[in-house]
Amino acid sequence: MRPFYLFLMVLWGALAFYTGKVILDHGSNLFPIFLGDIARWEWPGQFNLDFTMMLFLAAAWTAWRNRFSVAGLGLALVAFVGGAGFLLPYLTYLSWKHDGDTAGVLLGANAKPITA
């Protein structure tokens, strides 16, 4: 599992570096550009809409994994707004917490014991 942790953290580091560079060069006024691309009905807008749907799925999974608790709904909001900037460290934490058990990572409180 350690190579997977390292992979997640390398991705997170690359994303943090890229995001920092874009903010320095263009500011943090993302939403008008993001939504404007969608409103133009062109390929950048299609990508942004697809990405928004992936953010929604990540948020829905996060809320479900935490049984729609108050904390789970809060994490879901962070997942929707934060994207991979949230999901990469969250998955790393969950992988560590569940000692690499994929069912525990993916299912959380919804995991059922495996019986033979």
Protein backbone atom coordinates (compact mmCIF):
# COMPACT_ATOMS: atom_id res chain seq x y z
CA MET A 1 0.00 0.00 0.00
CA ARG A 2 2.89 2.38 0.55
CA PRO A 3 3.43 2.87 -3.20
CA PHE A 4 -0.25 3.83 -3.47
CA TYR A 5 0.10 6.36 -0.61
CA LEU A 6 3.15 7.80 -2.33
CA PHE A 7 1.29 7.96 -5.66
CA LEU A 8 -1.63 9.83 -4.07
CA MET A 9 0.70 12.32 -2.39
CA VAL A 10 2.70 12.92 -5.60
CA LEU A 11 -0.58 13.66 -7.40
CA TRP A 12 -1.67 15.98 -4.59
CA GLY A 13 1.68 17.79 -4.64
CA ALA A 14 1.51 18.27 -8.41
CA LEU A 15 -2.05 19.60 -8.13
CA ALA A 16 -1.12 21.97 -5.29
CA PHE A 17 1.87 23.30 -7.27
CA TYR A 18 -0.17 23.78 -10.46
CA THR A 19 -3.04 25.43 -8.58
CA GLY A 20 -0.65 27.79 -6.80
CA LYS A 21 0.95 28.81 -10.09
CA VAL A 22 -2.42 29.47 -11.75
CA ILE A 23 -3.61 31.56 -8.78
CA LEU A 24 -0.39 33.58 -8.85
CA ASP A 25 -0.70 34.21 -12.60
CA HIS A 26 -4.47 34.64 -12.95
CA GLY A 27 -5.95 35.17 -9.48
CA SER A 28 -8.59 33.05 -7.78
CA ASN A 29 -11.59 34.17 -9.81
CA LEU A 30 -12.39 30.65 -11.05
CA PHE A 31 -16.18 30.50 -11.10
CA PRO A 32 -16.99 33.12 -13.79
CA ILE A 33 -14.49 31.48 -16.13
CA PHE A 34 -15.63 27.94 -15.26
CA LEU A 35 -19.35 28.69 -15.63
CA GLY A 36 -18.76 30.96 -18.65
CA ASP A 37 -17.16 28.05 -20.51
CA ILE A 38 -20.23 25.90 -19.78
CA ALA A 39 -22.57 28.67 -20.97
CA ARG A 40 -20.75 28.89 -24.34
CA TRP A 41 -21.61 25.25 -25.25
CA GLU A 42 -18.09 24.47 -26.49
CA TRP A 43 -15.52 21.76 -25.63
CA PRO A 44 -14.06 23.53 -22.58
CA GLY A 45 -17.62 23.82 -21.23
CA GLN A 46 -18.28 20.14 -21.92
CA PHE A 47 -15.17 19.24 -19.94
CA ASN A 48 -16.23 21.53 -17.08
CA LEU A 49 -19.71 20.00 -16.99
CA ASP A 50 -18.22 16.48 -16.99
CA PHE A 51 -15.85 17.53 -14.20
CA THR A 52 -18.75 19.00 -12.19
CA MET A 53 -20.56 15.67 -12.44
CA MET A 54 -17.44 13.87 -11.18
CA LEU A 55 -17.28 16.31 -8.26
CA PHE A 56 -20.92 15.55 -7.49
CA LEU A 57 -20.20 11.80 -7.53
CA ALA A 58 -17.20 12.26 -5.20
CA ALA A 59 -19.37 14.33 -2.84
CA ALA A 60 -22.22 11.81 -2.96
CA TRP A 61 -19.83 8.93 -2.22
CA THR A 62 -18.27 10.86 0.67
CA ALA A 63 -21.69 11.59 2.20
CA TRP A 64 -22.88 7.99 1.69
CA ARG A 65 -19.65 6.51 3.07
CA ASN A 66 -20.23 8.51 6.24
CA ARG A 67 -23.96 7.56 6.35
CA PHE A 68 -25.10 11.12 5.62
CA SER A 69 -24.06 12.24 9.10
CA VAL A 70 -23.51 15.94 9.76
CA ALA A 71 -19.75 15.37 9.47
CA GLY A 72 -20.30 13.34 6.30
CA LEU A 73 -22.35 16.10 4.72
CA GLY A 74 -19.67 18.62 5.67
CA LEU A 75 -17.00 16.42 4.10
CA ALA A 76 -19.20 16.05 1.01
CA LEU A 77 -19.35 19.81 0.62
CA VAL A 78 -15.57 20.00 0.91
CA ALA A 79 -15.27 17.16 -1.64
CA PHE A 80 -17.52 19.01 -4.11
CA VAL A 81 -15.66 22.31 -3.79
CA GLY A 82 -12.18 20.88 -3.23
CA GLY A 83 -12.13 18.09 -5.82
CA ALA A 84 -8.89 16.14 -5.95
CA GLY A 85 -7.34 18.65 -3.55
CA PHE A 86 -9.59 17.07 -0.91
CA LEU A 87 -10.00 13.55 -2.27
CA LEU A 88 -6.31 12.67 -2.62
CA PRO A 89 -5.39 13.35 1.04
CA TYR A 90 -8.75 11.92 2.22
CA LEU A 91 -8.10 8.64 0.40
CA THR A 92 -4.56 8.57 1.78
CA TYR A 93 -5.91 9.06 5.31
CA LEU A 94 -8.59 6.39 4.83
CA SER A 95 -6.07 3.92 3.39
CA TRP A 96 -3.84 4.46 6.41
CA LYS A 97 -6.78 4.32 8.86
CA HIS A 98 -8.09 1.04 7.41
CA ASP A 99 -4.60 -0.43 7.03
CA GLY A 100 -5.00 -0.75 3.26
CA ASP A 101 -8.33 -2.62 3.46
CA THR A 102 -10.07 -1.54 0.27
CA ALA A 103 -13.55 -2.47 1.51
CA GLY A 104 -13.05 -0.33 4.61
CA VAL A 105 -11.77 2.58 2.53
CA LEU A 106 -14.59 2.47 0.00
CA LEU A 107 -17.51 1.43 2.20
CA GLY A 108 -16.66 3.01 5.55
CA ALA A 109 -19.50 2.58 8.03
CA ASN A 110 -21.46 0.70 5.33
CA ALA A 111 -18.96 -2.19 5.27
CA LYS A 112 -20.41 -5.54 6.25
CA PRO A 113 -18.22 -8.31 7.65
CA ILE A 114 -17.39 -11.01 5.14
CA THR A 115 -18.75 -14.38 6.21
CA ALA A 116 -17.84 -17.66 4.61
